[in-house]
Protein backbone atom coordinates (compact mmCIF):
# COMPACT_ATOMS: atom_id res chain seq x y z
CA MET A 1 39.05 50.20 -1.92
CA ALA A 2 39.47 46.43 -1.97
CA SER A 3 41.51 44.22 -4.74
CA GLN A 4 40.57 43.51 -7.96
CA PHE A 5 37.39 42.40 -8.79
CA SER A 6 34.62 42.84 -11.48
CA ILE A 7 31.24 43.64 -11.60
CA VAL A 8 27.96 43.67 -13.84
CA ILE A 9 25.53 46.12 -13.68
CA ILE A 10 21.34 45.08 -14.67
CA ASP A 11 19.27 48.16 -14.68
CA GLN A 12 16.30 49.05 -16.95
CA ASP A 13 17.09 52.79 -15.73
CA LYS A 14 19.92 54.12 -17.97
CA PRO A 15 20.43 56.74 -15.76
CA SER A 16 20.99 54.70 -12.62
CA ARG A 17 23.69 52.26 -14.69
CA ASP A 18 24.99 56.06 -16.08
CA ALA A 19 25.78 57.06 -12.61
CA ILE A 20 27.11 53.85 -10.99
CA ILE A 21 29.41 53.78 -14.31
CA SER A 22 30.53 57.16 -13.47
CA SER A 23 30.99 56.76 -9.70
CA LEU A 24 33.56 53.75 -10.60
CA LYS A 25 35.97 55.45 -12.54
CA PRO A 26 38.16 56.80 -9.66
CA TYR A 27 38.39 52.50 -9.12
CA SER A 28 39.04 51.41 -12.36
CA GLU A 29 42.42 50.06 -11.33
CA SER A 30 40.88 47.78 -8.94
CA ILE A 31 37.20 47.19 -10.47
CA THR A 32 36.48 46.05 -13.80
CA LEU A 33 33.15 46.72 -15.83
CA ALA A 34 32.24 43.16 -17.02
CA GLY A 35 28.95 44.15 -18.65
CA SER A 36 26.06 46.61 -18.34
CA VAL A 37 22.49 46.05 -19.87
CA ASP A 38 18.80 46.85 -19.43
CA ASN A 39 17.45 43.60 -18.92
CA PHE A 40 17.54 40.38 -16.99
CA THR A 41 17.97 38.21 -19.61
CA ASP A 42 20.91 39.77 -21.42
CA GLY A 43 21.93 40.34 -17.50
CA ALA A 44 22.02 36.62 -16.80
CA SER A 45 23.89 35.86 -20.05
CA ALA A 46 26.88 38.49 -18.69
CA ILE A 47 26.98 36.92 -15.22
CA GLU A 48 27.84 33.31 -17.17
CA GLN A 49 30.19 34.79 -19.36
CA ASN A 50 32.65 36.62 -16.81
CA SER A 51 31.45 35.64 -13.64
CA PRO A 52 31.44 39.07 -11.91
CA ASN A 53 32.33 39.08 -8.19
CA VAL A 54 29.24 41.53 -8.09
CA VAL A 55 26.20 42.69 -9.71
CA PHE A 56 24.31 45.96 -8.93
CA LEU A 57 20.53 45.06 -9.85
CA GLY A 58 17.79 47.34 -10.30
CA VAL A 59 14.41 46.64 -8.81
CA ASP A 60 11.31 48.43 -9.38
CA ASP A 61 9.04 45.28 -9.24
CA ILE A 62 9.91 43.93 -5.45
CA GLN A 63 8.41 40.38 -6.55
CA LYS A 64 10.68 39.81 -9.56
CA GLY A 65 13.42 41.84 -7.89
CA ILE A 66 12.99 38.86 -5.19
CA LYS A 67 13.07 36.29 -8.09
CA ASP A 68 16.13 37.95 -9.85
CA VAL A 69 17.84 38.03 -6.25
CA GLU A 70 17.05 34.00 -5.40
CA VAL A 71 17.88 33.15 -9.30
CA ILE A 72 21.55 35.07 -9.38
CA THR A 73 22.11 33.78 -5.43
CA LEU A 74 20.90 30.52 -6.57
CA MET A 75 22.60 29.68 -9.68
CA TYR A 76 25.68 32.04 -8.92
CA PRO A 77 26.60 31.49 -5.06
CA ARG A 78 29.58 33.37 -5.41
CA VAL A 79 28.24 36.53 -6.89
CA SER A 80 26.99 39.13 -4.48
CA VAL A 81 24.09 40.77 -5.08
CA ILE A 82 23.48 44.76 -4.49
CA ALA A 83 20.18 45.74 -4.87
CA CYS A 84 19.23 49.40 -6.08
CA SER A 85 15.78 51.01 -6.22
CA SER A 86 14.16 54.33 -5.98
CA GLU A 87 11.56 52.64 -3.14
CA ASN A 88 12.67 53.89 0.56
CA SER A 89 10.59 50.91 1.81
CA SER A 90 11.81 48.81 4.86
CA GLU A 91 9.75 45.84 3.28
CA TRP A 92 11.43 46.20 0.37
CA ILE A 93 14.73 45.87 2.02
CA LEU A 94 13.76 43.15 4.00
CA ALA A 95 12.29 41.20 1.16
CA LEU A 96 15.42 41.35 -0.76
CA MET A 97 18.12 41.28 1.83
CA ARG A 98 16.19 37.56 2.73
CA ALA A 99 16.26 36.82 -0.96
CA GLY A 100 19.88 36.78 -0.61
CA ALA A 101 21.20 40.64 -1.60
CA VAL A 102 24.07 41.81 0.32
CA GLU A 103 23.21 45.52 0.18
CA TYR A 104 20.63 47.87 -0.81
CA LEU A 105 21.06 51.17 -2.05
CA LEU A 106 18.61 54.28 -2.92
CA ARG A 107 18.58 55.95 -6.04
CA PRO A 108 20.21 58.22 -6.80
CA ILE A 109 22.99 56.25 -5.33
CA ALA A 110 25.58 58.84 -3.72
CA GLN A 111 29.60 57.99 -4.55
CA ALA A 112 30.26 57.58 -0.83
CA GLU A 113 27.42 54.82 -0.07
CA LEU A 114 28.48 53.24 -3.31
CA LYS A 115 32.51 52.86 -2.45
CA ASN A 116 31.28 52.04 1.02
CA SER A 117 29.07 49.25 -0.23
CA LEU A 118 31.74 47.96 -2.18
CA GLN A 119 34.38 47.96 0.40
CA LYS A 120 31.92 45.68 2.77
CA VAL A 121 31.60 43.37 -0.67
CA GLY A 122 35.36 43.44 -0.78
CA ARG A 123 36.11 42.24 2.30
CA PHE A 124 33.89 39.51 2.05
CA LEU A 125 35.30 38.44 -1.13
CA LEU A 126 39.00 38.56 0.39
CA SER A 127 37.57 36.30 2.93
CA ALA A 128 35.54 34.05 1.18
CA ALA A 129 36.59 30.04 0.35
CA PRO A 130 38.38 29.14 -2.59
CA ALA A 131 36.13 28.69 -5.58
CA GLU A 132 34.60 25.00 -5.06
CA GLU A 133 33.69 22.67 -7.97
CA PRO A 134 30.35 23.53 -9.78
CA PRO A 135 27.69 21.83 -7.33
CA ASP A 136 26.77 17.96 -8.29
CA GLY A 137 23.52 17.62 -6.50
CA ARG A 138 22.01 14.24 -5.26
CA VAL A 139 18.99 13.08 -7.04
CA ILE A 140 16.32 11.44 -4.87
CA ALA A 141 13.45 9.43 -6.43
CA VAL A 142 10.38 8.58 -4.69
CA TYR A 143 8.70 5.80 -6.64
CA ASN A 144 5.69 3.13 -6.55
CA PRO A 145 4.60 1.99 -9.90
CA ILE A 146 0.35 1.83 -9.15
CA GLY A 147 0.29 5.09 -6.69
CA GLY A 148 -1.81 5.67 -3.70
CA MET A 149 1.31 4.48 -1.70
CA GLY A 150 2.27 8.11 0.03
CA THR A 151 4.92 8.91 -2.95
CA THR A 152 3.59 12.51 -3.26
CA THR A 153 3.53 12.74 0.64
CA VAL A 154 6.75 11.47 1.21
CA ALA A 155 8.25 13.75 -1.92
CA VAL A 156 6.88 16.54 -0.78
CA ASN A 157 8.10 16.58 3.12
CA LEU A 158 11.06 15.22 2.17
CA ALA A 159 12.00 17.94 -0.03
CA ALA A 160 10.95 20.21 2.51
CA ALA A 161 13.30 18.62 5.44
CA LEU A 162 16.27 19.12 2.90
CA ALA A 163 15.52 22.99 2.54
CA THR A 164 17.17 24.29 5.59
CA ASP A 165 19.10 27.48 5.36
CA GLY A 166 21.76 27.15 2.71
CA VAL A 167 20.47 23.92 1.32
CA ARG A 168 19.39 23.80 -2.42
CA VAL A 169 16.45 21.76 -3.26
CA ALA A 170 14.45 20.89 -6.38
CA LEU A 171 11.17 19.03 -6.24
CA VAL A 172 10.17 17.67 -9.41
CA ASP A 173 6.19 16.41 -10.48
CA LEU A 174 7.65 13.36 -12.51
CA ASN A 175 4.11 11.60 -12.30
CA LEU A 176 2.75 12.10 -15.67
CA ASP A 177 -0.40 10.19 -15.39
CA ALA A 178 -1.61 12.09 -12.35
CA GLY A 179 0.83 14.14 -10.76
CA ASP A 180 -0.30 16.33 -7.24
CA VAL A 181 2.53 18.22 -5.96
CA ASN A 182 0.86 21.31 -7.03
CA THR A 183 -2.27 20.11 -5.28
CA PHE A 184 -0.13 19.22 -1.99
CA LEU A 185 1.37 23.21 -1.97
CA ASN A 186 -1.15 24.70 -3.09
CA VAL A 187 0.47 26.48 -6.31
CA ASN A 188 -1.05 27.40 -9.34
CA PRO A 189 2.15 27.78 -11.49
CA THR A 190 2.73 29.85 -14.59
CA TYR A 191 4.72 27.19 -16.15
CA THR A 192 5.36 23.54 -15.85
CA LEU A 193 7.07 20.35 -17.05
CA SER A 194 6.02 21.24 -20.29
CA SER A 195 7.02 24.46 -20.57
CA VAL A 196 10.50 22.99 -20.11
CA THR A 197 10.57 20.22 -22.49
CA SER A 198 8.49 22.70 -25.10
CA ASN A 199 11.40 24.61 -24.92
CA ILE A 200 14.16 21.98 -24.92
CA GLY A 201 16.53 22.81 -27.24
CA ARG A 202 16.76 26.63 -25.60
CA LEU A 203 17.22 25.00 -21.83
CA ASP A 204 19.92 26.02 -19.82
CA ALA A 205 20.14 26.61 -15.93
CA ASN A 206 18.91 30.17 -16.76
CA PHE A 207 15.79 29.10 -18.30
CA LEU A 208 15.48 26.13 -16.11
CA MET A 209 15.36 28.75 -12.93
CA SER A 210 13.05 31.09 -14.19
CA VAL A 211 10.34 28.66 -14.87
CA MET A 212 10.46 27.01 -11.76
CA THR A 213 8.35 28.06 -8.46
CA ARG A 214 9.86 28.37 -5.01
CA HIS A 215 7.57 27.45 -1.94
CA ALA A 216 7.54 28.72 1.21
CA SER A 217 8.27 25.80 3.01
CA GLY A 218 11.44 26.10 0.96
CA PRO A 219 12.06 23.75 -2.47
CA TYR A 220 12.01 25.38 -5.85
CA VAL A 221 9.06 23.25 -7.67
CA LEU A 222 8.95 21.93 -11.00
CA THR A 223 4.69 20.71 -11.03
CA GLU A 224 3.44 18.23 -13.63
CA PRO A 225 1.92 19.14 -17.14
CA LEU A 226 -1.71 20.64 -16.64
CA GLU A 227 -2.72 19.02 -20.05
CA VAL A 228 -2.71 14.84 -20.31
CA ASP A 229 -1.56 15.29 -24.02
CA GLU A 230 1.66 17.09 -22.90
CA ALA A 231 2.41 14.43 -20.22
CA VAL A 232 2.32 11.73 -23.37
CA SER A 233 4.90 13.93 -25.47
CA ILE A 234 7.68 13.87 -23.06
CA THR A 235 10.25 11.67 -23.75
CA PRO A 236 13.05 9.94 -21.34
CA GLU A 237 15.82 12.14 -23.28
CA GLN A 238 14.10 15.35 -22.21
CA VAL A 239 13.82 14.08 -18.56
CA HIS A 240 17.57 13.33 -18.57
CA ARG A 241 18.49 16.78 -19.83
CA ILE A 242 16.49 18.55 -17.04
CA LEU A 243 17.49 16.25 -14.48
CA GLY A 244 21.33 16.85 -15.56
CA PHE A 245 20.63 20.66 -15.68
CA LEU A 246 19.01 20.89 -12.10
CA ARG A 247 22.06 18.38 -10.67
CA GLY A 248 23.94 21.52 -11.72
CA ILE A 249 22.10 23.99 -9.91
CA PHE A 250 20.71 22.07 -6.42
CA ASP A 251 22.27 20.10 -3.61
CA TYR A 252 19.35 17.88 -3.91
CA VAL A 253 16.45 16.98 -6.50
CA VAL A 254 13.87 15.05 -5.16
CA VAL A 255 11.56 13.44 -7.78
CA ASP A 256 7.56 11.93 -7.23
CA CYS A 257 7.33 9.58 -10.02
CA VAL A 258 4.71 6.62 -10.55
CA GLY A 259 4.18 4.05 -13.47
CA GLN A 260 5.49 1.18 -15.18
CA LEU A 261 9.19 0.19 -15.42
CA ALA A 262 10.07 1.74 -18.38
CA GLY A 263 10.54 5.04 -20.45
CA CYS A 264 11.21 8.11 -18.54
CA ASN A 265 10.88 6.07 -15.12
CA VAL A 266 13.99 4.17 -15.80
CA THR A 267 15.71 6.97 -16.97
CA ILE A 268 14.81 8.81 -13.56
CA PHE A 269 16.36 5.88 -11.60
CA LYS A 270 19.67 5.88 -14.07
CA ASP A 271 20.23 9.63 -12.68
CA SER A 272 19.14 8.82 -9.25
CA HIS A 273 21.63 8.50 -6.45
CA LEU A 274 18.83 6.87 -4.06
CA VAL A 275 15.11 5.32 -5.22
CA LEU A 276 12.76 5.46 -2.02
CA PHE A 277 10.34 2.77 -3.06
CA THR A 278 7.33 3.53 -1.05
CA THR A 279 4.76 0.91 -0.07
CA THR A 280 2.32 -0.14 2.57
CA LEU A 281 2.11 -3.21 4.91
CA SER A 282 -0.58 -4.80 3.43
CA LEU A 283 -0.73 -8.35 1.18
CA PRO A 284 -1.25 -6.44 -1.90
CA ALA A 285 1.21 -4.18 -1.86
CA LEU A 286 4.00 -6.00 -0.57
CA LYS A 287 3.09 -9.00 -3.34
CA ASN A 288 3.60 -6.02 -5.75
CA THR A 289 6.57 -4.44 -3.99
CA LYS A 290 8.73 -7.87 -4.39
CA ARG A 291 7.83 -8.22 -7.84
CA TYR A 292 8.86 -4.79 -8.73
CA LEU A 293 12.06 -4.88 -6.52
CA SER A 294 12.70 -8.02 -8.42
CA ALA A 295 12.32 -6.59 -11.81
CA MET A 296 14.62 -3.62 -10.76
CA ALA A 297 17.27 -5.50 -9.57
CA GLU A 298 17.28 -7.24 -12.90
CA LYS A 299 17.76 -4.09 -14.71
CA GLY A 300 20.75 -3.20 -12.66
CA PHE A 301 18.95 -1.18 -10.07
CA GLY A 302 19.69 -3.11 -6.93
CA ALA A 303 19.97 -2.76 -2.86
CA ASP A 304 22.88 -0.26 -3.29
CA ARG A 305 20.55 2.34 -4.84
CA VAL A 306 16.69 1.24 -3.87
CA LYS A 307 15.72 1.59 -0.62
CA LEU A 308 12.20 0.47 1.02
CA VAL A 309 10.29 3.33 2.87
CA ILE A 310 7.00 1.71 4.76
CA ASN A 311 4.29 4.34 4.55
CA ARG A 312 1.51 4.71 7.21
CA TYR A 313 3.09 2.15 9.53
CA LEU A 314 0.92 0.96 12.44
CA ALA A 315 2.74 -0.19 15.10
CA ARG A 316 -0.37 -2.91 16.03
CA ALA A 317 -1.11 -3.96 12.43
CA ASP A 318 -1.14 -7.70 11.77
CA ILE A 319 1.64 -7.61 9.45
CA GLN A 320 4.94 -5.83 11.12
CA ILE A 321 8.31 -4.44 9.81
CA ARG A 322 10.19 -7.51 10.14
CA ASP A 323 7.48 -9.53 8.33
CA ALA A 324 7.91 -7.43 5.68
CA GLU A 325 11.86 -7.62 5.85
CA ARG A 326 11.39 -11.31 5.65
CA VAL A 327 9.19 -11.15 2.41
CA LEU A 328 11.25 -9.27 0.51
CA SER A 329 14.90 -10.13 1.55
CA THR A 330 15.43 -6.33 2.08
CA SER A 331 15.89 -4.33 4.95
CA VAL A 332 13.48 -1.24 5.79
CA TYR A 333 14.96 2.03 5.05
CA GLN A 334 12.73 4.04 7.05
CA ALA A 335 8.97 3.33 8.45
CA ILE A 336 6.41 6.53 8.62
CA PRO A 337 3.75 6.20 10.78
CA ASN A 338 0.05 6.76 9.83
CA GLY A 339 -1.32 10.21 9.99
CA TYR A 340 -3.87 10.77 8.42
CA SER A 341 -5.46 13.90 9.82
CA ASP A 342 -1.92 15.56 9.83
CA VAL A 343 -1.74 14.58 6.20
CA VAL A 344 -5.07 15.76 4.83
CA ASP A 345 -4.75 19.47 7.20
CA SER A 346 -1.11 19.89 5.57
CA ILE A 347 -2.77 19.04 2.07
CA ASN A 348 -5.44 21.54 3.18
CA LYS A 349 -3.17 24.16 4.17
CA GLY A 350 -0.46 23.38 1.23
CA MET A 351 1.95 23.13 3.61
CA PRO A 352 4.11 19.77 3.93
CA VAL A 353 3.42 18.45 7.38
CA VAL A 354 7.53 18.98 8.20
CA LYS A 355 6.62 22.42 8.33
CA LEU A 356 2.86 22.68 9.57
CA LEU A 357 3.36 20.09 12.63
CA PRO A 358 6.90 20.20 14.14
CA ARG A 359 5.71 17.76 16.90
CA SER A 360 3.83 15.37 14.80
CA PRO A 361 5.51 11.63 14.43
CA ILE A 362 5.09 12.03 10.88
CA THR A 363 7.69 14.72 11.02
CA LYS A 364 9.96 13.08 13.00
CA ALA A 365 9.98 10.12 10.52
CA ILE A 366 10.33 12.58 7.64
CA LEU A 367 13.59 14.43 9.21
CA ASP A 368 14.80 10.83 10.10
CA LEU A 369 14.55 10.02 6.57
CA ALA A 370 16.11 13.13 5.26
CA GLU A 371 19.26 12.35 7.79
CA HIS A 372 19.73 8.85 6.12
CA VAL A 373 19.50 10.15 2.36
CA LYS A 374 22.32 13.04 3.35
CA LYS A 375 24.56 10.23 4.43
């Protein structure tokens, strides 16, 4: 058996928990039982308090099991999850392994199988890299004060582009007046941003993860409130707390935001590493952009943080990038070509352009933007 490590058991099936505990008794010198509980909420608390190396997770509902595995592996990347179930199904095995489980054991668990699984995990733990500092994710705000400039298109596609293998990405709709992330991704989540703010007193990483929805394109999504009155009640302090928790969980937090340079938006910018100011090459848009870039600079959000993204770029338009750079006294960070039909197609299918149409010119531009953001 491998060197000393600890485990937590989360399984509503008591005979299954008892069987695992009994099978572990011969290895009490090398294995510590840090917790044995019958529900995920208590299990998450046990993981938080004891930092186990291994979690045995009982799975009786595949969708809940996938969600639970994803939450554990995302929040505690050093924890190895061993799924345990009575379901002898290749579909279940594949789904749970893809979600992040390292092993799948069939109930009733034979002692030999349990020992083999722990030996595999033990070898993994011995070869693992030293513990890292807690994650400190980068917050990327995508902003335009009046909307209609493609902030949601850029935010949704940037989040999907960043969400490659092993990269944890959150996409948060903080356009409190007229958010559209749920429409762009064709999601109808049970919980929204107001589910978090209305429970701000119990906010922690476990609760936050439980209300987020993972989209097929990769990011975990927190959508805008369903009701207008709910959006009005959201405060800058609540936004600050939410972004702080998200930074501790995800590598990147992409925020879609629109509206005046005040209130929650100022808080978002203060908490952001980058603000992608999205505009187009039209006279009214550039005039408004100039006003807001100046105002943002006066509030301390200068060119080191605020980057200009030109959306719907046409190479043969009357106004060119060099004209915009001269008028705005700032360089263009990224230009995204006009591709109306590609964007509409992606919205209708609920899948970002970067995933749906890998050869689209928009995809290439967004991937370039993602590379800039990573630097």
